[in-house]
């Protein structure tokens, strides 16, 4: 399941906080989200990308309420100056449904 939303013109911050903290920046106030997990930004040359997880708490579509979704975010700049978020030029947000999955990892260790 995917949810497609649009941020209002004039917003240019993190996609996550445009979606969650600043409900006024969504064109439609019929949605609300809670942050489940805020991803850490990973460096990719001059850009940084993060994937966050949110839970839909209000929606005009009943089946979306209670489900969790990925929110992708990217930015450029530096902590020494300002960050420039992808929302400056792209107001469209696509949230992709996700679910937790436990994964077992095999690790090799030295025999003592």
N, C-alpha and C. Protein backbone atom coordinates (compact mmCIF):
# COMPACT_ATOMS: atom_id res chain seq x y z
N UNK A 1 0.85 -1.17 0.00
CA UNK A 1 0.00 0.00 0.00
C UNK A 1 0.90 1.24 0.00
N UNK A 2 0.50 2.23 -0.76
CA UNK A 2 1.22 3.50 -0.81
C UNK A 2 0.24 4.64 -0.54
N UNK A 3 0.76 5.70 0.08
CA UNK A 3 0.00 6.93 0.27
C UNK A 3 0.76 8.02 -0.46
N UNK A 4 0.07 8.75 -1.31
CA UNK A 4 0.70 9.87 -2.03
C UNK A 4 0.12 11.17 -1.49
N UNK A 5 1.01 12.05 -1.02
CA UNK A 5 0.62 13.34 -0.45
C UNK A 5 1.43 14.44 -1.10
N UNK A 6 0.99 15.67 -0.91
CA UNK A 6 1.71 16.81 -1.47
C UNK A 6 1.90 17.85 -0.37
N UNK A 7 3.14 18.33 -0.23
CA UNK A 7 3.43 19.42 0.69
C UNK A 7 3.07 20.75 0.02
N UNK A 8 2.65 21.70 0.81
CA UNK A 8 2.30 23.01 0.26
C UNK A 8 3.54 23.74 -0.22
N UNK A 9 3.36 24.60 -1.20
CA UNK A 9 4.45 25.47 -1.65
C UNK A 9 4.91 26.32 -0.47
N UNK A 10 6.19 26.58 -0.39
CA UNK A 10 6.72 27.39 0.70
C UNK A 10 7.41 26.56 1.76
N UNK A 11 7.11 25.24 1.85
CA UNK A 11 7.79 24.39 2.82
C UNK A 11 9.06 23.85 2.19
N UNK A 12 10.17 23.90 2.92
CA UNK A 12 11.44 23.43 2.37
C UNK A 12 12.30 22.74 3.42
N UNK A 13 11.69 22.06 4.36
CA UNK A 13 12.45 21.36 5.39
C UNK A 13 12.42 19.86 5.17
N UNK A 14 12.73 19.13 6.21
CA UNK A 14 12.74 17.68 6.17
C UNK A 14 11.35 17.15 5.80
N UNK A 15 11.31 16.16 4.91
CA UNK A 15 10.03 15.56 4.53
C UNK A 15 9.34 14.96 5.75
N UNK A 16 10.14 14.37 6.65
CA UNK A 16 9.57 13.76 7.86
C UNK A 16 8.84 14.79 8.69
N UNK A 17 9.47 15.92 8.96
CA UNK A 17 8.85 16.90 9.85
C UNK A 17 7.78 17.72 9.13
N UNK A 18 7.87 17.82 7.83
CA UNK A 18 6.78 18.43 7.08
C UNK A 18 5.53 17.58 7.18
N UNK A 19 5.74 16.29 7.27
CA UNK A 19 4.65 15.33 7.35
C UNK A 19 4.11 15.21 8.77
N UNK A 20 4.97 15.13 9.76
CA UNK A 20 4.56 14.80 11.12
C UNK A 20 4.34 16.02 12.00
N UNK A 21 5.36 16.83 12.14
CA UNK A 21 5.32 17.93 13.10
C UNK A 21 4.56 19.14 12.60
N UNK A 22 4.63 19.36 11.31
CA UNK A 22 4.04 20.56 10.75
C UNK A 22 2.85 20.20 9.88
N UNK A 23 1.78 19.71 10.49
CA UNK A 23 0.61 19.28 9.74
C UNK A 23 0.10 20.38 8.80
N UNK A 24 0.33 21.62 9.17
CA UNK A 24 -0.17 22.73 8.35
C UNK A 24 0.47 22.77 6.97
N UNK A 25 1.59 22.05 6.76
CA UNK A 25 2.24 22.07 5.46
C UNK A 25 1.67 21.03 4.49
N UNK A 26 0.82 20.14 5.00
CA UNK A 26 0.16 19.21 4.09
C UNK A 26 -1.00 19.93 3.43
N UNK A 27 -1.21 19.68 2.15
CA UNK A 27 -2.32 20.33 1.46
C UNK A 27 -3.67 19.88 2.03
N UNK A 28 -3.72 18.66 2.52
CA UNK A 28 -4.96 18.15 3.10
C UNK A 28 -4.69 17.81 4.56
N UNK A 29 -5.54 18.29 5.45
CA UNK A 29 -5.34 18.02 6.88
C UNK A 29 -6.07 16.76 7.33
N UNK A 30 -6.46 15.93 6.38
CA UNK A 30 -7.17 14.71 6.73
C UNK A 30 -6.24 13.58 7.17
N UNK A 31 -4.92 13.81 7.10
CA UNK A 31 -3.94 12.81 7.52
C UNK A 31 -3.20 13.27 8.76
N UNK A 32 -2.83 12.32 9.62
CA UNK A 32 -1.91 12.58 10.74
C UNK A 32 -1.01 11.36 10.89
N UNK A 33 0.24 11.64 11.32
CA UNK A 33 1.24 10.58 11.46
C UNK A 33 2.02 10.77 12.74
N UNK A 34 2.44 9.65 13.34
CA UNK A 34 3.34 9.65 14.48
C UNK A 34 4.67 9.06 14.03
N UNK A 35 5.77 9.59 14.55
CA UNK A 35 7.09 9.04 14.22
C UNK A 35 7.31 7.77 15.03
N UNK A 36 7.62 6.69 14.36
CA UNK A 36 7.97 5.42 15.01
C UNK A 36 9.48 5.34 15.14
N UNK A 37 10.18 5.69 14.07
CA UNK A 37 11.65 5.64 14.07
C UNK A 37 12.19 6.70 13.12
N UNK A 38 13.07 7.53 13.64
CA UNK A 38 13.72 8.54 12.80
C UNK A 38 15.05 7.97 12.33
N UNK A 39 15.18 7.77 11.03
CA UNK A 39 16.39 7.18 10.47
C UNK A 39 17.57 8.13 10.55
N UNK A 40 18.76 7.57 10.49
CA UNK A 40 19.97 8.38 10.49
C UNK A 40 20.37 8.67 9.05
N UNK A 41 20.82 9.88 8.80
CA UNK A 41 21.25 10.26 7.46
C UNK A 41 22.57 9.57 7.14
N UNK A 42 22.65 8.98 5.95
CA UNK A 42 23.87 8.33 5.48
C UNK A 42 24.44 9.15 4.33
N UNK A 43 25.76 9.31 4.35
CA UNK A 43 26.45 10.12 3.34
C UNK A 43 26.51 9.41 2.01
N UNK A 44 26.22 10.12 0.93
CA UNK A 44 26.32 9.62 -0.44
C UNK A 44 26.90 10.76 -1.27
N UNK A 45 28.22 10.88 -1.26
CA UNK A 45 28.94 11.99 -1.90
C UNK A 45 28.47 13.31 -1.28
N UNK A 46 27.90 14.21 -2.06
CA UNK A 46 27.51 15.50 -1.48
C UNK A 46 26.08 15.49 -0.92
N UNK A 47 25.41 14.34 -0.98
CA UNK A 47 24.04 14.22 -0.46
C UNK A 47 24.00 13.31 0.75
N UNK A 48 22.94 13.44 1.52
CA UNK A 48 22.65 12.53 2.61
C UNK A 48 21.22 12.04 2.44
N UNK A 49 21.01 10.75 2.74
CA UNK A 49 19.68 10.15 2.62
C UNK A 49 19.32 9.46 3.93
N UNK A 50 18.04 9.48 4.24
CA UNK A 50 17.54 8.79 5.43
C UNK A 50 16.16 8.21 5.12
N UNK A 51 15.86 7.10 5.79
CA UNK A 51 14.53 6.51 5.70
C UNK A 51 13.93 6.50 7.10
N UNK A 52 12.78 7.11 7.23
CA UNK A 52 12.09 7.21 8.51
C UNK A 52 10.86 6.30 8.47
N UNK A 53 10.34 5.97 9.66
CA UNK A 53 9.13 5.15 9.74
C UNK A 53 8.09 5.91 10.53
N UNK A 54 6.89 6.01 9.96
CA UNK A 54 5.78 6.70 10.60
C UNK A 54 4.57 5.77 10.66
N UNK A 55 3.68 6.09 11.60
CA UNK A 55 2.43 5.34 11.73
C UNK A 55 1.28 6.29 11.41
N UNK A 56 0.38 5.86 10.55
CA UNK A 56 -0.78 6.67 10.17
C UNK A 56 -1.81 6.60 11.30
N UNK A 57 -2.17 7.76 11.87
CA UNK A 57 -3.15 7.79 12.96
C UNK A 57 -4.48 8.42 12.55
N UNK A 58 -4.50 9.05 11.36
CA UNK A 58 -5.74 9.64 10.86
C UNK A 58 -5.67 9.64 9.33
N UNK A 59 -6.74 9.16 8.70
CA UNK A 59 -6.77 9.07 7.25
C UNK A 59 -8.23 9.03 6.78
N UNK A 60 -8.51 9.57 5.60
CA UNK A 60 -9.86 9.43 5.05
C UNK A 60 -10.14 8.00 4.59
N UNK A 61 -9.09 7.19 4.46
CA UNK A 61 -9.23 5.79 4.06
C UNK A 61 -8.98 4.92 5.30
N UNK A 62 -10.01 4.31 5.80
CA UNK A 62 -9.96 3.58 7.07
C UNK A 62 -8.86 2.52 7.11
N UNK A 63 -8.60 1.85 5.99
CA UNK A 63 -7.61 0.77 5.95
C UNK A 63 -6.18 1.27 6.17
N UNK A 64 -5.93 2.57 6.00
CA UNK A 64 -4.57 3.11 6.19
C UNK A 64 -4.26 3.39 7.66
N UNK A 65 -5.27 3.60 8.47
CA UNK A 65 -5.08 3.95 9.88
C UNK A 65 -4.47 2.75 10.62
N UNK A 66 -3.40 3.04 11.38
CA UNK A 66 -2.72 2.00 12.16
C UNK A 66 -1.58 1.33 11.42
N UNK A 67 -1.44 1.57 10.14
CA UNK A 67 -0.36 0.97 9.36
C UNK A 67 0.90 1.83 9.44
N UNK A 68 2.05 1.19 9.19
CA UNK A 68 3.33 1.91 9.23
C UNK A 68 3.87 2.08 7.81
N UNK A 69 4.59 3.19 7.62
CA UNK A 69 5.08 3.54 6.29
C UNK A 69 6.50 4.09 6.34
N UNK A 70 7.27 3.85 5.26
CA UNK A 70 8.57 4.47 5.07
C UNK A 70 8.37 5.89 4.53
N UNK A 71 9.21 6.83 5.00
CA UNK A 71 9.29 8.17 4.44
C UNK A 71 10.75 8.40 4.06
N UNK A 72 11.02 8.61 2.79
CA UNK A 72 12.39 8.85 2.34
C UNK A 72 12.69 10.34 2.34
N UNK A 73 13.90 10.67 2.76
CA UNK A 73 14.32 12.06 2.88
C UNK A 73 15.73 12.20 2.33
N UNK A 74 16.03 13.31 1.69
CA UNK A 74 17.41 13.57 1.28
C UNK A 74 17.71 15.06 1.41
N UNK A 75 18.99 15.35 1.57
CA UNK A 75 19.42 16.74 1.76
C UNK A 75 20.85 16.87 1.29
N UNK A 76 21.24 18.13 1.06
CA UNK A 76 22.63 18.44 0.74
C UNK A 76 23.01 19.65 1.58
N UNK A 77 24.28 19.95 1.63
CA UNK A 77 24.76 21.05 2.47
C UNK A 77 25.70 20.52 3.53
N UNK A 78 25.69 21.17 4.70
CA UNK A 78 26.58 20.76 5.76
C UNK A 78 26.09 21.28 7.09
N UNK A 79 26.54 20.64 8.17
CA UNK A 79 26.16 21.14 9.50
C UNK A 79 26.85 22.45 9.81
N UNK A 80 27.86 22.83 9.00
CA UNK A 80 28.52 24.13 9.16
C UNK A 80 27.70 25.25 8.54
N UNK A 81 26.83 24.88 7.61
CA UNK A 81 25.98 25.87 6.94
C UNK A 81 24.54 25.37 7.00
N UNK A 82 23.75 25.72 6.05
CA UNK A 82 22.36 25.27 6.03
C UNK A 82 22.22 23.96 5.26
N UNK A 83 21.18 23.20 5.63
CA UNK A 83 20.81 22.01 4.87
C UNK A 83 19.79 22.42 3.83
N UNK A 84 19.87 21.81 2.67
CA UNK A 84 18.90 22.04 1.60
C UNK A 84 18.20 20.70 1.35
N UNK A 85 16.93 20.65 1.67
CA UNK A 85 16.17 19.41 1.58
C UNK A 85 15.52 19.25 0.21
N UNK A 86 15.31 17.98 -0.18
CA UNK A 86 14.69 17.71 -1.48
C UNK A 86 13.28 18.29 -1.59
N UNK A 87 12.66 18.64 -0.47
CA UNK A 87 11.31 19.22 -0.52
C UNK A 87 11.31 20.63 -1.11
N UNK A 88 12.49 21.23 -1.28
CA UNK A 88 12.55 22.55 -1.89
C UNK A 88 12.10 22.50 -3.34
N UNK A 89 12.39 21.40 -4.04
CA UNK A 89 12.04 21.31 -5.45
C UNK A 89 11.04 20.19 -5.74
N UNK A 90 10.77 19.32 -4.76
CA UNK A 90 9.82 18.23 -4.98
C UNK A 90 8.84 18.18 -3.81
N UNK A 91 7.61 18.58 -4.04
CA UNK A 91 6.60 18.65 -2.98
C UNK A 91 5.81 17.35 -2.84
N UNK A 92 6.03 16.39 -3.75
CA UNK A 92 5.29 15.13 -3.72
C UNK A 92 5.96 14.14 -2.78
N UNK A 93 5.17 13.56 -1.88
CA UNK A 93 5.67 12.53 -0.96
C UNK A 93 4.96 11.22 -1.27
N UNK A 94 5.73 10.15 -1.34
CA UNK A 94 5.15 8.82 -1.49
C UNK A 94 5.58 8.00 -0.28
N UNK A 95 4.59 7.56 0.49
CA UNK A 95 4.85 6.73 1.66
C UNK A 95 4.57 5.28 1.28
N UNK A 96 5.52 4.40 1.57
CA UNK A 96 5.39 2.99 1.23
C UNK A 96 5.18 2.19 2.50
N UNK A 97 4.17 1.34 2.50
CA UNK A 97 3.88 0.55 3.69
C UNK A 97 5.05 -0.36 4.04
N UNK A 98 5.28 -0.53 5.34
CA UNK A 98 6.36 -1.39 5.81
C UNK A 98 5.91 -2.12 7.07
N UNK A 99 6.66 -3.14 7.44
CA UNK A 99 6.37 -3.89 8.66
C UNK A 99 7.69 -4.36 9.25
N UNK A 100 7.72 -4.56 10.57
CA UNK A 100 8.96 -5.06 11.18
C UNK A 100 9.16 -6.54 10.86
N UNK A 101 10.40 -6.93 10.73
CA UNK A 101 10.72 -8.34 10.48
C UNK A 101 12.00 -8.66 11.23
N UNK A 102 11.96 -9.70 12.04
CA UNK A 102 13.14 -10.10 12.79
C UNK A 102 14.05 -10.90 11.89
N UNK A 103 15.35 -10.54 11.91
CA UNK A 103 16.33 -11.19 11.05
C UNK A 103 17.47 -11.71 11.91
N UNK A 104 17.86 -12.96 11.69
CA UNK A 104 18.99 -13.56 12.40
C UNK A 104 20.22 -13.43 11.51
N UNK A 105 21.32 -12.96 12.11
CA UNK A 105 22.56 -12.77 11.37
C UNK A 105 23.61 -13.77 11.86
N UNK A 106 24.26 -14.45 10.93
CA UNK A 106 25.34 -15.37 11.27
C UNK A 106 26.64 -14.58 11.22
N UNK A 107 27.45 -14.68 12.28
CA UNK A 107 28.72 -13.96 12.34
C UNK A 107 29.82 -14.94 12.70
N UNK A 108 30.93 -14.87 12.01
CA UNK A 108 32.07 -15.73 12.27
C UNK A 108 32.98 -15.04 13.29
N UNK A 109 33.44 -15.81 14.27
CA UNK A 109 34.32 -15.27 15.30
C UNK A 109 35.54 -16.16 15.45
N UNK A 110 36.59 -15.60 16.01
CA UNK A 110 37.84 -16.34 16.23
C UNK A 110 37.63 -17.41 17.30
N UNK A 111 38.22 -18.58 17.08
CA UNK A 111 38.18 -19.67 18.06
C UNK A 111 39.34 -19.47 19.01
N UNK A 112 39.06 -19.50 20.32
CA UNK A 112 40.13 -19.29 21.31
C UNK A 112 40.46 -20.56 22.02
